[in-house]
Amino acid sequence: MKTCLALRHVAFEDAGTLAPILAQRGFATRYIDAGVDSLDRSEIAGFDLLVVLGGPIGVYEQDDYPFLKCELAAIAERLAAMRPTLGICPGAQLMAKALGAEVAPGPAKEIGWDPLKLTAAGQSSPLRHLDGVPVLHWHGDNFELPAGTGHLASTVHCPFQAFSKGSNLLAMQFHIETDAPRIESWLIGHTVELRKAQIDPSAIRADTARHGGRLQQTASRIVNEWLDQIEQ
């Protein structure tokens, strides 16, 4: 079987609805918990696919969370070799930083369900399936566009929501892996952030029930199309 490493930062932000898609495509997925499990750079480079998942810490908080330095180095080494890598939310921010771009707090938190504005490049990419489809946003940091990458999507408060490099690297600031029946774990895990941002969890709960099924179908189209075009 092909091998996939899912680099996880908090337990409830896992591969979600992407897990069965990867299994159907013949990938055996293994999780590594960043900050808990050891990060072997050569081992990470060897997986057929790397998925870098979300979490609540910032890429720039390396003094508070020293494991980020090792994680960034491992990701940078893999990206330099153009090994297939998918980044989601902080995973996308880590990819951007590893490619030399700045990551910093944005002008406002984006938490909730909203559609994206796709660029011309985005409309020609696997993300074209997201045209008009609300996705789950849950971030306060933004990244600059790394040199040599394609700009795929934006929102009002986040000009760079997604980028790609070649066929093998895809980074998305938003969440396409959201598993609607498990949204309660997100609401519990991020309760402090929601309260500080004065966001009503019942609104996210209701929107997830409304949009989650459609996003799951769309995510399957996106990931399958992307996997069809990656080069090992």
Protein backbone atom coordinates (compact mmCIF):
# COMPACT_ATOMS: atom_id res chain seq x y z
CA MET A 1 0.00 0.00 0.00
CA LYS A 2 0.97 3.63 -0.42
CA THR A 3 1.83 5.43 2.79
CA CYS A 4 0.39 8.68 4.17
CA LEU A 5 1.62 10.54 7.23
CA ALA A 6 -0.89 12.83 8.93
CA LEU A 7 0.91 15.38 11.10
CA ARG A 8 -1.59 16.27 13.85
CA HIS A 9 -1.48 19.15 16.36
CA VAL A 10 -4.65 18.53 18.39
CA ALA A 11 -6.48 15.21 18.60
CA PHE A 12 -9.86 16.39 17.29
CA GLU A 13 -8.42 18.11 14.21
CA ASP A 14 -7.58 14.90 12.38
CA ALA A 15 -7.97 13.90 8.73
CA GLY A 16 -11.75 13.84 9.19
CA THR A 17 -13.63 13.10 5.99
CA LEU A 18 -10.37 12.80 4.06
CA ALA A 19 -9.47 9.56 5.87
CA PRO A 20 -11.88 7.29 3.94
CA ILE A 21 -10.95 9.00 0.67
CA LEU A 22 -7.28 8.22 1.25
CA ALA A 23 -8.10 4.65 2.24
CA GLN A 24 -10.10 4.17 -0.95
CA ARG A 25 -7.11 5.43 -2.91
CA GLY A 26 -4.88 2.80 -1.33
CA PHE A 27 -3.14 4.89 1.32
CA ALA A 28 -2.37 3.49 4.74
CA THR A 29 -2.43 6.53 7.03
CA ARG A 30 -0.32 6.92 10.15
CA TYR A 31 -0.62 9.82 12.61
CA ILE A 32 2.22 11.62 14.31
CA ASP A 33 1.26 14.03 17.11
CA ALA A 34 3.47 17.11 16.82
CA GLY A 35 5.04 18.09 20.12
CA VAL A 36 4.50 14.59 21.54
CA ASP A 37 5.96 12.12 19.06
CA SER A 38 9.47 12.42 17.72
CA LEU A 39 9.84 13.93 14.25
CA ASP A 40 12.33 12.02 12.13
CA ARG A 41 13.03 14.22 9.10
CA SER A 42 14.23 11.35 6.91
CA GLU A 43 11.18 9.27 7.85
CA ILE A 44 8.79 12.13 7.10
CA ALA A 45 10.46 12.63 3.72
CA GLY A 46 9.90 8.98 2.86
CA PHE A 47 6.09 8.84 3.03
CA ASP A 48 4.24 8.84 -0.27
CA LEU A 49 1.97 11.62 1.02
CA LEU A 50 2.19 14.10 3.90
CA VAL A 51 -0.93 15.81 5.26
CA VAL A 52 -0.19 18.64 7.72
CA LEU A 53 -3.29 19.26 9.81
CA GLY A 54 -4.70 22.17 11.81
CA GLY A 55 -4.31 23.41 15.37
CA PRO A 56 -4.52 26.52 17.58
CA ILE A 57 -0.88 27.64 17.72
CA GLY A 58 0.91 30.08 15.43
CA VAL A 59 3.89 29.26 13.23
CA TYR A 60 5.71 32.23 14.76
CA GLU A 61 5.39 30.88 18.34
CA GLN A 62 8.58 28.86 18.13
CA ASP A 63 9.98 30.17 21.44
CA ASP A 64 6.89 28.92 23.28
CA TYR A 65 6.61 25.71 21.23
CA PRO A 66 10.16 24.66 20.24
CA PHE A 67 8.97 21.55 18.38
CA LEU A 68 7.83 23.91 15.60
CA LYS A 69 11.48 24.41 14.59
CA CYS A 70 11.96 20.71 13.93
CA GLU A 71 8.58 20.46 12.26
CA LEU A 72 9.34 23.35 9.94
CA ALA A 73 12.73 21.89 9.03
CA ALA A 74 11.14 18.54 8.18
CA ILE A 75 8.43 20.16 6.07
CA ALA A 76 10.96 22.41 4.31
CA GLU A 77 13.10 19.41 3.39
CA ARG A 78 10.09 17.59 1.96
CA LEU A 79 8.86 20.62 0.01
CA ALA A 80 12.33 21.21 -1.43
CA ALA A 81 12.11 17.70 -2.89
CA MET A 82 8.57 18.46 -4.15
CA ARG A 83 7.20 15.40 -2.39
CA PRO A 84 3.36 15.30 -2.35
CA THR A 85 2.17 17.44 0.55
CA LEU A 86 -1.24 18.78 1.56
CA GLY A 87 -1.55 21.50 4.21
CA ILE A 88 -4.72 22.54 6.03
CA CYS A 89 -5.06 25.76 8.09
CA PRO A 90 -1.86 25.89 10.24
CA GLY A 91 -0.61 23.14 7.96
CA ALA A 92 -0.84 25.60 5.09
CA GLN A 93 0.84 28.27 7.21
CA LEU A 94 3.69 25.88 8.01
CA MET A 95 4.09 25.15 4.31
CA ALA A 96 4.13 28.87 3.50
CA LYS A 97 6.76 29.53 6.17
CA ALA A 98 8.85 26.58 5.00
CA LEU A 99 8.77 28.10 1.50
CA GLY A 100 10.07 31.43 2.81
CA ALA A 101 6.84 33.44 3.25
CA GLU A 102 5.81 35.44 6.30
CA VAL A 103 3.05 34.27 8.64
CA ALA A 104 1.47 36.71 11.10
CA PRO A 105 -1.83 37.55 12.82
CA GLY A 106 -4.44 38.75 10.34
CA PRO A 107 -6.75 41.78 10.66
CA ALA A 108 -9.61 39.66 12.04
CA LYS A 109 -10.42 36.12 13.03
CA GLU A 110 -12.31 34.10 10.45
CA ILE A 111 -14.39 31.51 12.24
CA GLY A 112 -17.50 30.10 10.59
CA TRP A 113 -18.85 28.95 7.26
CA ASP A 114 -18.41 31.11 4.15
CA PRO A 115 -17.54 30.57 0.48
CA LEU A 116 -14.23 31.55 -1.10
CA LYS A 117 -13.37 33.82 -3.99
CA LEU A 118 -11.44 31.68 -6.44
CA THR A 119 -8.76 33.21 -8.63
CA ALA A 120 -8.36 32.31 -12.31
CA ALA A 121 -5.71 29.80 -11.25
CA GLY A 122 -8.08 28.44 -8.61
CA GLN A 123 -10.80 27.95 -11.21
CA SER A 124 -8.33 25.85 -13.21
CA SER A 125 -7.28 23.77 -10.19
CA PRO A 126 -9.00 21.01 -8.19
CA LEU A 127 -10.36 23.78 -5.96
CA ARG A 128 -12.72 24.80 -8.74
CA HIS A 129 -15.21 22.38 -7.19
CA LEU A 130 -15.50 24.86 -4.27
CA ASP A 131 -17.03 27.58 -6.42
CA GLY A 132 -20.03 28.76 -4.39
CA VAL A 133 -19.55 26.08 -1.72
CA PRO A 134 -19.22 27.31 1.90
CA VAL A 135 -16.18 25.97 3.76
CA LEU A 136 -15.29 26.09 7.43
CA HIS A 137 -12.88 28.88 8.34
CA TRP A 138 -11.17 28.76 11.72
CA HIS A 139 -8.06 30.90 11.88
CA GLY A 140 -6.66 34.22 13.00
CA ASP A 141 -3.30 34.12 11.20
CA ASN A 142 -2.58 34.85 7.55
CA PHE A 143 0.34 33.95 5.32
CA GLU A 144 1.94 35.84 2.48
CA LEU A 145 2.07 34.10 -0.88
CA PRO A 146 5.34 32.13 -1.20
CA ALA A 147 7.48 32.94 -4.22
CA GLY A 148 6.90 30.67 -7.19
CA THR A 149 3.48 29.46 -6.08
CA GLY A 150 0.03 29.83 -7.62
CA HIS A 151 -2.56 31.93 -5.82
CA LEU A 152 -5.83 29.97 -5.75
CA ALA A 153 -8.36 31.64 -3.42
CA SER A 154 -9.07 34.56 -1.08
CA THR A 155 -11.61 36.03 1.35
CA VAL A 156 -12.17 39.59 2.58
CA HIS A 157 -9.87 39.29 5.60
CA CYS A 158 -7.45 36.78 4.08
CA PRO A 159 -6.08 37.63 0.63
CA PHE A 160 -4.20 34.34 0.35
CA GLN A 161 -6.45 31.43 1.29
CA ALA A 162 -4.79 28.75 -0.82
CA PHE A 163 -1.75 28.16 -2.99
CA SER A 164 -0.16 25.41 -4.99
CA LYS A 165 3.31 24.70 -6.31
CA GLY A 166 3.62 22.34 -9.21
CA SER A 167 1.33 19.35 -9.09
CA ASN A 168 2.48 18.06 -5.72
CA LEU A 169 2.05 20.88 -3.19
CA LEU A 170 -1.37 22.16 -2.14
CA ALA A 171 -2.02 24.42 0.86
CA MET A 172 -5.42 25.59 2.09
CA GLN A 173 -6.04 28.02 4.96
CA PHE A 174 -9.62 26.72 5.33
CA HIS A 175 -10.99 23.30 6.29
CA ILE A 176 -12.36 20.86 3.71
CA GLU A 177 -11.94 17.86 6.01
CA THR A 178 -14.68 18.89 8.45
CA ASP A 179 -16.65 15.88 9.66
CA ALA A 180 -20.06 17.37 10.46
CA PRO A 181 -21.15 14.74 13.03
CA ARG A 182 -17.97 15.47 15.03
CA ILE A 183 -18.17 19.28 15.07
CA GLU A 184 -19.00 19.23 18.79
CA SER A 185 -15.41 18.24 19.56
CA TRP A 186 -14.24 21.41 17.79
CA LEU A 187 -16.71 23.56 19.72
CA ILE A 188 -15.55 22.04 23.00
CA GLY A 189 -11.85 22.17 22.17
CA HIS A 190 -11.95 25.79 20.98
CA THR A 191 -14.44 27.11 23.57
CA VAL A 192 -12.03 29.74 24.94
CA GLU A 193 -11.30 31.11 21.47
CA LEU A 194 -15.01 31.21 20.62
CA ARG A 195 -15.84 33.12 23.80
CA LYS A 196 -13.05 35.63 23.27
CA ALA A 197 -14.19 36.18 19.67
CA GLN A 198 -17.83 36.44 20.86
CA ILE A 199 -18.93 33.74 18.44
CA ASP A 200 -22.03 31.73 19.25
CA PRO A 201 -21.23 28.00 18.97
CA SER A 202 -24.85 27.26 18.11
CA ALA A 203 -24.44 29.22 14.87
CA ILE A 204 -21.45 27.10 13.84
CA ARG A 205 -23.33 23.96 14.87
CA ALA A 206 -26.32 24.90 12.71
CA ASP A 207 -24.21 25.94 9.71
CA THR A 208 -22.21 22.71 9.93
CA ALA A 209 -25.43 20.69 9.79
CA ARG A 210 -26.52 22.79 6.80
CA HIS A 211 -23.30 22.72 4.77
CA GLY A 212 -21.29 19.73 6.00
CA GLY A 213 -22.74 17.14 3.65
CA ARG A 214 -22.14 19.22 0.55
CA LEU A 215 -18.59 20.03 1.64
CA GLN A 216 -17.84 16.34 2.19
CA GLN A 217 -18.90 15.53 -1.37
CA THR A 218 -16.89 18.45 -2.72
CA ALA A 219 -13.81 17.52 -0.70
CA SER A 220 -13.91 14.07 -2.26
CA ARG A 221 -13.85 15.59 -5.74
CA ILE A 222 -10.99 17.92 -4.83
CA VAL A 223 -8.77 15.33 -3.19
CA ASN A 224 -9.36 12.65 -5.80
CA GLU A 225 -8.56 15.07 -8.62
CA TRP A 226 -5.43 16.29 -6.83
CA LEU A 227 -4.25 12.73 -6.17
CA ASP A 228 -4.77 11.93 -9.84
CA GLN A 229 -2.33 14.65 -10.86
CA ILE A 230 0.45 14.35 -8.26
CA GLU A 231 3.79 13.00 -9.35
CA GLN A 232 5.58 10.56 -7.09
